[in-house]
Amino acid sequence: MVTAPLRVACSSRSVFIILIAGALLQHACCHAPAHKNGVIMPPCPQCGCDYAYPDGAMYVCPECSHEWNPEEAAATPSEGGVRDSNGNLLADGDSIILIKDLKLKGCSTVLKKGTKAKGIRLVDGDHEIDCRMNDMKVMLKADFVKKC
């Protein structure tokens, strides 16, 4: 149940606050994490959104509609590492294949679907995979590759 947005003053600007079931979801000027009664809600495990809200025993993400139980998420140990688009764990030295065409930023080159890279290297940061494709060194996100 969504109530009408409230207009409040914050830092000499007007912003909107949306209340759903008594939980603060969005604060447009400072993007404060969602909270209810001073307790910070956990971020969505699927998309990382900070505006998840409780719905009974479950939490719901307003951006991706993912629902999860925080007790089950805390009980299962999360495996570290980088996973490909199919959920397979990647390691240094693996071979990968692109699952879609990717345009490279800064040049007119397109990496075609099905292009294979051997001997990948996993790195920290926004792009998890460092490899060579078509005689170029590229950095890729793991969402666009699958393990061979």
C-alpha atoms as a PDB file:
ATOM      1  CA  MET A   1       0.000   0.000   0.000  1.00  0.00           C
ATOM      2  CA  VAL A   2       1.588   3.265  -1.131  1.00  0.00           C
ATOM      3  CA  THR A   3       0.612   6.449   0.622  1.00  0.00           C
ATOM      4  CA  ALA A   4       0.805   9.837  -1.057  1.00  0.00           C
ATOM      5  CA  PRO A   5       4.329  11.248  -1.390  1.00  0.00           C
ATOM      6  CA  LEU A   6       5.218  13.802   1.252  1.00  0.00           C
ATOM      7  CA  ARG A   7       7.067  17.013   0.445  1.00  0.00           C
ATOM      8  CA  VAL A   8       9.645  17.970   3.043  1.00  0.00           C
ATOM      9  CA  ALA A   9      12.459  20.506   3.201  1.00  0.00           C
ATOM     10  CA  CYS A  10      15.996  19.174   3.350  1.00  0.00           C
ATOM     11  CA  SER A  11      19.174  21.230   2.952  1.00  0.00           C
ATOM     12  CA  SER A  12      17.144  24.167   1.597  1.00  0.00           C
ATOM     13  CA  ARG A  13      15.713  21.988  -1.215  1.00  0.00           C
ATOM     14  CA  SER A  14      12.350  20.287  -1.523  1.00  0.00           C
ATOM     15  CA  VAL A  15      12.468  16.513  -1.886  1.00  0.00           C
ATOM     16  CA  PHE A  16       9.991  13.668  -1.985  1.00  0.00           C
ATOM     17  CA  ILE A  17       9.804  10.854   0.532  1.00  0.00           C
ATOM     18  CA  ILE A  18       7.796   7.757  -0.332  1.00  0.00           C
ATOM     19  CA  LEU A  19       6.346   5.753   2.527  1.00  0.00           C
ATOM     20  CA  ILE A  20       5.370   2.113   2.024  1.00  0.00           C
ATOM     21  CA  ALA A  21       4.043   0.207   5.012  1.00  0.00           C
ATOM     22  CA  GLY A  22       5.709   2.699   7.331  1.00  0.00           C
ATOM     23  CA  ALA A  23       9.222   2.134   5.897  1.00  0.00           C
ATOM     24  CA  LEU A  24      11.181   5.030   4.446  1.00  0.00           C
ATOM     25  CA  LEU A  25      12.109   4.013   0.893  1.00  0.00           C
ATOM     26  CA  GLN A  26      13.600   6.971  -0.888  1.00  0.00           C
ATOM     27  CA  HIS A  27      15.084  10.243   0.188  1.00  0.00           C
ATOM     28  CA  ALA A  28      15.941  12.049  -3.023  1.00  0.00           C
ATOM     29  CA  CYS A  29      18.469  14.629  -1.846  1.00  0.00           C
ATOM     30  CA  CYS A  30      20.992  12.533   0.079  1.00  0.00           C
ATOM     31  CA  HIS A  31      20.034   8.959  -0.906  1.00  0.00           C
ATOM     32  CA  ALA A  32      20.062   7.757   2.674  1.00  0.00           C
ATOM     33  CA  PRO A  33      19.672   3.986   3.042  1.00  0.00           C
ATOM     34  CA  ALA A  34      16.219   2.681   3.831  1.00  0.00           C
ATOM     35  CA  HIS A  35      15.422   2.471   7.496  1.00  0.00           C
ATOM     36  CA  LYS A  36      12.504   1.844   9.766  1.00  0.00           C
ATOM     37  CA  ASN A  37      12.441   3.106  13.339  1.00  0.00           C
ATOM     38  CA  GLY A  38      16.170   3.908  13.158  1.00  0.00           C
ATOM     39  CA  VAL A  39      17.191   0.389  12.002  1.00  0.00           C
ATOM     40  CA  ILE A  40      19.052   0.237   8.683  1.00  0.00           C
ATOM     41  CA  MET A  41      17.600  -2.350   6.306  1.00  0.00           C
ATOM     42  CA  PRO A  42      19.975  -4.783   4.546  1.00  0.00           C
ATOM     43  CA  PRO A  43      20.701  -4.123   0.860  1.00  0.00           C
ATOM     44  CA  CYS A  44      19.219  -6.385  -1.802  1.00  0.00           C
ATOM     45  CA  PRO A  45      21.543  -9.397  -2.356  1.00  0.00           C
ATOM     46  CA  GLN A  46      20.632  -9.503  -6.044  1.00  0.00           C
ATOM     47  CA  CYS A  47      21.015  -5.890  -7.227  1.00  0.00           C
ATOM     48  CA  GLY A  48      22.514  -4.118  -4.171  1.00  0.00           C
ATOM     49  CA  CYS A  49      19.662  -1.605  -3.836  1.00  0.00           C
ATOM     50  CA  ASP A  50      19.644   0.177  -0.459  1.00  0.00           C
ATOM     51  CA  TYR A  51      15.864   0.695  -0.424  1.00  0.00           C
ATOM     52  CA  ALA A  52      14.638  -2.795   0.490  1.00  0.00           C
ATOM     53  CA  TYR A  53      11.658  -2.944   2.831  1.00  0.00           C
ATOM     54  CA  PRO A  54      10.186  -5.622   5.121  1.00  0.00           C
ATOM     55  CA  ASP A  55       7.064  -7.531   4.108  1.00  0.00           C
ATOM     56  CA  GLY A  56       6.203  -9.890   6.939  1.00  0.00           C
ATOM     57  CA  ALA A  57       9.196 -12.179   7.506  1.00  0.00           C
ATOM     58  CA  MET A  58      10.633 -11.400   4.049  1.00  0.00           C
ATOM     59  CA  TYR A  59      12.403  -8.369   2.608  1.00  0.00           C
ATOM     60  CA  VAL A  60      11.421  -6.983  -0.814  1.00  0.00           C
ATOM     61  CA  CYS A  61      13.543  -4.930  -3.213  1.00  0.00           C
ATOM     62  CA  PRO A  62      11.541  -2.182  -4.962  1.00  0.00           C
ATOM     63  CA  GLU A  63      13.944  -2.027  -7.935  1.00  0.00           C
ATOM     64  CA  CYS A  64      14.262  -5.689  -8.983  1.00  0.00           C
ATOM     65  CA  SER A  65      11.316  -7.210  -6.990  1.00  0.00           C
ATOM     66  CA  HIS A  66      13.611  -9.784  -5.392  1.00  0.00           C
ATOM     67  CA  GLU A  67      12.276 -11.289  -2.150  1.00  0.00           C
ATOM     68  CA  TRP A  68      14.514 -12.923   0.461  1.00  0.00           C
ATOM     69  CA  ASN A  69      14.495 -14.092   4.038  1.00  0.00           C
ATOM     70  CA  PRO A  70      17.308 -12.436   6.038  1.00  0.00           C
ATOM     71  CA  GLU A  71      17.652 -15.451   8.383  1.00  0.00           C
ATOM     72  CA  GLU A  72      18.266 -17.819   5.453  1.00  0.00           C
ATOM     73  CA  ALA A  73      20.707 -15.384   3.838  1.00  0.00           C
ATOM     74  CA  ALA A  74      22.696 -15.144   7.095  1.00  0.00           C
ATOM     75  CA  ALA A  75      22.680 -18.937   7.623  1.00  0.00           C
ATOM     76  CA  THR A  76      24.080 -19.828   4.185  1.00  0.00           C
ATOM     77  CA  PRO A  77      27.754 -18.933   3.817  1.00  0.00           C
ATOM     78  CA  SER A  78      28.319 -16.857   0.724  1.00  0.00           C
ATOM     79  CA  GLU A  79      31.024 -18.215  -1.530  1.00  0.00           C
ATOM     80  CA  GLY A  80      33.457 -15.594  -2.680  1.00  0.00           C
ATOM     81  CA  GLY A  81      34.679 -15.403  -6.195  1.00  0.00           C
ATOM     82  CA  VAL A  82      33.507 -14.305  -9.595  1.00  0.00           C
ATOM     83  CA  ARG A  83      30.633 -16.100 -11.303  1.00  0.00           C
ATOM     84  CA  ASP A  84      29.767 -16.085 -15.005  1.00  0.00           C
ATOM     85  CA  SER A  85      26.313 -15.493 -16.489  1.00  0.00           C
ATOM     86  CA  ASN A  86      25.318 -19.126 -15.786  1.00  0.00           C
ATOM     87  CA  GLY A  87      26.493 -19.034 -12.166  1.00  0.00           C
ATOM     88  CA  ASN A  88      29.683 -21.075 -12.694  1.00  0.00           C
ATOM     89  CA  LEU A  89      32.657 -20.078 -10.561  1.00  0.00           C
ATOM     90  CA  LEU A  90      35.493 -18.571 -12.609  1.00  0.00           C
ATOM     91  CA  ALA A  91      39.188 -18.904 -11.766  1.00  0.00           C
ATOM     92  CA  ASP A  92      42.442 -17.530 -13.164  1.00  0.00           C
ATOM     93  CA  GLY A  93      43.430 -19.326 -16.353  1.00  0.00           C
ATOM     94  CA  ASP A  94      39.899 -20.368 -17.388  1.00  0.00           C
ATOM     95  CA  SER A  95      38.586 -20.009 -20.931  1.00  0.00           C
ATOM     96  CA  ILE A  96      35.461 -17.948 -21.560  1.00  0.00           C
ATOM     97  CA  ILE A  97      33.072 -17.157 -24.426  1.00  0.00           C
ATOM     98  CA  LEU A  98      31.107 -13.924 -24.916  1.00  0.00           C
ATOM     99  CA  ILE A  99      27.334 -14.390 -24.765  1.00  0.00           C
ATOM    100  CA  LYS A 100      26.456 -11.147 -26.597  1.00  0.00           C
ATOM    101  CA  ASP A 101      28.019  -8.538 -28.885  1.00  0.00           C
ATOM    102  CA  LEU A 102      29.899  -5.867 -26.942  1.00  0.00           C
ATOM    103  CA  LYS A 103      30.958  -2.455 -28.255  1.00  0.00           C
ATOM    104  CA  LEU A 104      34.275  -1.314 -26.827  1.00  0.00           C
ATOM    105  CA  LYS A 105      34.371   2.189 -25.396  1.00  0.00           C
ATOM    106  CA  GLY A 106      36.824   4.554 -27.021  1.00  0.00           C
ATOM    107  CA  CYS A 107      36.971   2.785 -30.393  1.00  0.00           C
ATOM    108  CA  SER A 108      34.677   1.459 -33.086  1.00  0.00           C
ATOM    109  CA  THR A 109      35.532  -2.212 -32.468  1.00  0.00           C
ATOM    110  CA  VAL A 110      32.785  -4.705 -31.621  1.00  0.00           C
ATOM    111  CA  LEU A 111      33.513  -7.989 -29.872  1.00  0.00           C
ATOM    112  CA  LYS A 112      31.186 -10.535 -31.449  1.00  0.00           C
ATOM    113  CA  LYS A 113      29.074 -13.096 -29.621  1.00  0.00           C
ATOM    114  CA  GLY A 114      30.948 -16.397 -29.384  1.00  0.00           C
ATOM    115  CA  THR A 115      34.436 -14.839 -29.246  1.00  0.00           C
ATOM    116  CA  LYS A 116      36.663 -16.999 -27.069  1.00  0.00           C
ATOM    117  CA  ALA A 117      39.347 -15.883 -24.632  1.00  0.00           C
ATOM    118  CA  LYS A 118      41.874 -18.263 -23.089  1.00  0.00           C
ATOM    119  CA  GLY A 119      43.807 -17.765 -19.887  1.00  0.00           C
ATOM    120  CA  ILE A 120      41.734 -15.067 -18.201  1.00  0.00           C
ATOM    121  CA  ARG A 121      42.909 -13.164 -15.152  1.00  0.00           C
ATOM    122  CA  LEU A 122      40.484 -12.144 -12.374  1.00  0.00           C
ATOM    123  CA  VAL A 123      40.960  -8.640 -10.987  1.00  0.00           C
ATOM    124  CA  ASP A 124      39.255  -6.516  -8.361  1.00  0.00           C
ATOM    125  CA  GLY A 125      37.097  -3.617  -9.430  1.00  0.00           C
ATOM    126  CA  ASP A 126      34.132  -2.855 -11.626  1.00  0.00           C
ATOM    127  CA  HIS A 127      35.226  -5.178 -14.463  1.00  0.00           C
ATOM    128  CA  GLU A 128      36.189  -8.545 -12.987  1.00  0.00           C
ATOM    129  CA  ILE A 129      37.897 -10.210 -15.974  1.00  0.00           C
ATOM    130  CA  ASP A 130      41.121  -9.149 -17.699  1.00  0.00           C
ATOM    131  CA  CYS A 131      41.910 -11.034 -20.935  1.00  0.00           C
ATOM    132  CA  ARG A 132      43.074 -10.790 -24.539  1.00  0.00           C
ATOM    133  CA  MET A 133      40.524 -10.950 -27.373  1.00  0.00           C
ATOM    134  CA  ASN A 134      41.240 -10.266 -31.045  1.00  0.00           C
ATOM    135  CA  ASP A 135      44.823  -9.177 -30.198  1.00  0.00           C
ATOM    136  CA  MET A 136      43.514  -6.549 -27.748  1.00  0.00           C
ATOM    137  CA  LYS A 137      43.686  -6.451 -23.994  1.00  0.00           C
ATOM    138  CA  VAL A 138      40.136  -5.960 -22.672  1.00  0.00           C
ATOM    139  CA  MET A 139      38.436  -5.908 -19.306  1.00  0.00           C
ATOM    140  CA  LEU A 140      34.983  -7.521 -19.096  1.00  0.00           C
ATOM    141  CA  LYS A 141      32.179  -7.901 -16.635  1.00  0.00           C
ATOM    142  CA  ALA A 142      31.390 -11.492 -15.725  1.00  0.00           C
ATOM    143  CA  ASP A 143      27.717 -10.985 -16.652  1.00  0.00           C
ATOM    144  CA  PHE A 144      28.604 -11.058 -20.369  1.00  0.00           C
ATOM    145  CA  VAL A 145      30.634 -14.280 -20.473  1.00  0.00           C
ATOM    146  CA  LYS A 146      30.185 -17.996 -19.911  1.00  0.00           C
ATOM    147  CA  LYS A 147      32.791 -20.553 -18.960  1.00  0.00           C
ATOM    148  CA  CYS A 148      33.970 -22.989 -21.663  1.00  0.00           C
END
